[in-house]
Every structure is written in C-alpha cells, then in structure tokens.
C-alpha cells in the first residue's frame, strides 16, 4: 500500500521554546503553538535535579539560537 505525504511550504505555527524549573536550573526544550497559545507557558513537570515536581516557566533564548 502506498501513502503519499504532502509537505506544506508554509512554516508550522509550532515553535521551540525553553522552560526552566523554579526549583533548580534544569531546562527542558518543548514546542508551543504560537497561534493558539499567546501567553507564556507554565507547566508542572518532574525535575530530575531537585527530584520532585516543580513548576517550569518559559524563558527567553540566549545567543543566536532564535
């Protein structure tokens, strides 16, 4: 069976963002849809450095990365 994949020439609305733990300096890179989510992202995730659940808040990229 053959499936064709259609690639769009437009850029996706998903952007890579960095979120940092409030308990330590641990950083996770994830995606965010800029069209539907216009506020700063705030997630509750497990922090392996602090070894507990922590709030991760969106931070700016530093340097030439974007």
N, C-alpha and C. Protein backbone atom coordinates (compact mmCIF):
# COMPACT_ATOMS: atom_id res chain seq x y z
N UNK A 1 0.84 -1.17 0.00
CA UNK A 1 0.00 0.00 0.00
C UNK A 1 0.89 1.24 0.00
N UNK A 2 0.50 2.23 -0.76
CA UNK A 2 1.31 3.44 -0.92
C UNK A 2 0.58 4.63 -0.31
N UNK A 3 1.28 5.36 0.55
CA UNK A 3 0.75 6.57 1.15
C UNK A 3 1.56 7.75 0.67
N UNK A 4 0.88 8.79 0.23
CA UNK A 4 1.62 9.99 -0.18
C UNK A 4 1.60 10.99 0.97
N UNK A 5 2.72 11.65 1.15
CA UNK A 5 2.86 12.64 2.21
C UNK A 5 2.93 14.01 1.56
N UNK A 6 2.09 14.90 1.99
CA UNK A 6 2.05 16.25 1.44
C UNK A 6 2.77 17.19 2.41
N UNK A 7 3.81 17.83 1.94
CA UNK A 7 4.54 18.79 2.77
C UNK A 7 4.10 20.20 2.39
N UNK A 8 3.79 20.99 3.37
CA UNK A 8 3.36 22.36 3.15
C UNK A 8 4.59 23.26 3.02
N UNK A 9 4.48 24.28 2.18
CA UNK A 9 5.58 25.22 2.03
C UNK A 9 5.56 26.28 3.13
N UNK A 10 4.40 26.44 3.81
CA UNK A 10 4.30 27.40 4.91
C UNK A 10 4.99 26.83 6.14
N UNK A 11 5.48 27.73 7.01
CA UNK A 11 6.08 27.28 8.26
C UNK A 11 5.01 26.86 9.24
N UNK A 12 5.32 25.93 10.06
CA UNK A 12 4.40 25.47 11.09
C UNK A 12 4.24 26.56 12.15
N UNK A 13 3.11 26.55 12.84
CA UNK A 13 2.88 27.51 13.91
C UNK A 13 3.58 27.08 15.20
N UNK A 14 4.09 25.84 15.24
CA UNK A 14 4.80 25.36 16.42
C UNK A 14 6.20 25.95 16.46
N UNK A 15 6.58 26.44 17.62
CA UNK A 15 7.91 26.99 17.82
C UNK A 15 8.56 26.29 19.01
N UNK A 16 9.88 26.14 18.93
CA UNK A 16 10.61 25.55 20.05
C UNK A 16 10.79 26.60 21.13
N UNK A 17 10.52 26.22 22.36
CA UNK A 17 10.68 27.13 23.48
C UNK A 17 11.47 26.43 24.58
N UNK A 18 12.04 27.21 25.49
CA UNK A 18 12.75 26.68 26.64
C UNK A 18 11.94 26.96 27.88
N UNK A 19 11.79 25.96 28.74
CA UNK A 19 11.13 26.16 30.03
C UNK A 19 12.12 25.77 31.12
N UNK A 20 12.18 26.58 32.18
CA UNK A 20 13.14 26.37 33.26
C UNK A 20 12.41 26.09 34.56
N UNK A 21 12.95 25.18 35.34
CA UNK A 21 12.36 24.79 36.61
C UNK A 21 12.50 25.91 37.63
N UNK A 22 11.48 26.02 38.49
CA UNK A 22 11.55 27.01 39.57
C UNK A 22 12.35 26.46 40.75
N UNK A 23 12.53 25.13 40.83
CA UNK A 23 13.26 24.52 41.94
C UNK A 23 14.76 24.45 41.69
N UNK A 24 15.17 24.39 40.43
CA UNK A 24 16.60 24.33 40.10
C UNK A 24 16.80 25.03 38.75
N UNK A 25 17.98 24.87 38.18
CA UNK A 25 18.29 25.50 36.90
C UNK A 25 18.05 24.55 35.72
N UNK A 26 17.33 23.47 35.94
CA UNK A 26 17.07 22.48 34.89
C UNK A 26 16.22 23.09 33.79
N UNK A 27 16.60 22.84 32.52
CA UNK A 27 15.90 23.41 31.36
C UNK A 27 15.41 22.28 30.47
N UNK A 28 14.19 22.43 29.96
CA UNK A 28 13.60 21.48 29.03
C UNK A 28 13.20 22.25 27.78
N UNK A 29 13.45 21.68 26.60
CA UNK A 29 13.04 22.30 25.34
C UNK A 29 11.79 21.58 24.86
N UNK A 30 10.74 22.34 24.55
CA UNK A 30 9.47 21.78 24.12
C UNK A 30 8.90 22.65 23.01
N UNK A 31 7.71 22.28 22.51
CA UNK A 31 7.08 23.05 21.44
C UNK A 31 5.84 23.77 21.95
N UNK A 32 5.53 24.89 21.30
CA UNK A 32 4.34 25.65 21.65
C UNK A 32 3.72 26.17 20.36
N UNK A 33 2.40 26.04 20.22
CA UNK A 33 1.71 26.57 19.06
C UNK A 33 1.43 28.05 19.31
N UNK A 34 2.14 28.93 18.60
CA UNK A 34 2.04 30.37 18.83
C UNK A 34 0.68 30.93 18.42
N UNK A 35 -0.03 30.24 17.53
CA UNK A 35 -1.31 30.75 17.06
C UNK A 35 -2.41 30.56 18.11
N UNK A 36 -2.38 29.43 18.82
CA UNK A 36 -3.43 29.14 19.79
C UNK A 36 -3.04 29.51 21.22
N UNK A 37 -1.74 29.52 21.54
CA UNK A 37 -1.28 29.85 22.89
C UNK A 37 -0.46 31.12 22.81
N UNK A 38 -1.01 32.23 23.31
CA UNK A 38 -0.32 33.51 23.16
C UNK A 38 0.27 34.00 24.47
N UNK A 39 0.04 33.31 25.56
CA UNK A 39 0.63 33.68 26.84
C UNK A 39 1.90 32.86 27.06
N UNK A 40 2.65 33.20 28.10
CA UNK A 40 3.84 32.42 28.42
C UNK A 40 3.43 31.09 29.00
N UNK A 41 4.13 30.05 28.62
CA UNK A 41 3.80 28.70 29.03
C UNK A 41 4.28 28.43 30.45
N UNK A 42 3.47 27.71 31.22
CA UNK A 42 3.82 27.34 32.59
C UNK A 42 3.34 25.90 32.80
N UNK A 43 4.27 24.98 33.05
CA UNK A 43 3.97 23.56 33.18
C UNK A 43 4.41 23.03 34.54
N UNK A 44 3.75 21.97 35.00
CA UNK A 44 4.22 21.27 36.18
C UNK A 44 4.80 19.94 35.71
N UNK A 45 6.09 19.77 35.92
CA UNK A 45 6.79 18.58 35.47
C UNK A 45 7.73 18.08 36.58
N UNK A 46 8.23 16.86 36.39
CA UNK A 46 9.20 16.30 37.33
C UNK A 46 10.57 16.88 37.05
N UNK A 47 11.22 17.38 38.07
CA UNK A 47 12.57 17.93 37.96
C UNK A 47 13.56 16.89 38.46
N UNK A 48 14.39 16.32 37.56
CA UNK A 48 15.34 15.28 37.99
C UNK A 48 16.47 15.81 38.87
N UNK A 49 16.78 17.09 38.80
CA UNK A 49 17.84 17.66 39.63
C UNK A 49 17.36 17.81 41.07
N UNK A 50 16.15 18.36 41.24
CA UNK A 50 15.60 18.54 42.58
C UNK A 50 14.88 17.27 43.07
N UNK A 51 14.64 16.34 42.18
CA UNK A 51 13.96 15.07 42.46
C UNK A 51 12.58 15.28 43.08
N UNK A 52 11.82 16.21 42.50
CA UNK A 52 10.44 16.44 42.91
C UNK A 52 9.72 17.18 41.77
N UNK A 53 8.41 17.31 41.90
CA UNK A 53 7.65 18.06 40.92
C UNK A 53 7.90 19.55 41.11
N UNK A 54 8.03 20.26 39.98
CA UNK A 54 8.28 21.70 40.04
C UNK A 54 7.55 22.39 38.90
N UNK A 55 7.36 23.69 39.05
CA UNK A 55 6.75 24.49 38.00
C UNK A 55 7.84 24.93 37.04
N UNK A 56 7.62 24.69 35.76
CA UNK A 56 8.54 25.12 34.71
C UNK A 56 7.92 26.31 34.01
N UNK A 57 8.70 27.40 33.89
CA UNK A 57 8.21 28.62 33.25
C UNK A 57 9.03 28.91 32.00
N UNK A 58 8.36 29.47 31.00
CA UNK A 58 9.00 29.78 29.74
C UNK A 58 10.05 30.88 29.93
N UNK A 59 11.23 30.69 29.31
CA UNK A 59 12.30 31.68 29.37
C UNK A 59 12.74 32.03 27.96
N UNK A 60 13.48 33.13 27.82
CA UNK A 60 13.97 33.55 26.51
C UNK A 60 15.18 32.73 26.11
N UNK A 61 15.38 32.62 24.79
CA UNK A 61 16.60 32.02 24.25
C UNK A 61 17.72 33.01 24.40
N UNK A 62 18.91 32.52 24.69
CA UNK A 62 20.08 33.39 24.79
C UNK A 62 21.02 33.05 23.62
N UNK A 63 21.59 34.05 23.01
CA UNK A 63 22.52 33.83 21.92
C UNK A 63 21.83 33.85 20.57
N UNK A 64 22.46 33.20 19.59
CA UNK A 64 21.98 33.24 18.21
C UNK A 64 20.94 32.15 17.91
N UNK A 65 20.58 31.35 18.88
CA UNK A 65 19.70 30.21 18.66
C UNK A 65 18.28 30.54 18.26
N UNK A 66 17.82 31.75 18.41
CA UNK A 66 16.47 32.06 17.99
C UNK A 66 15.81 32.96 18.88
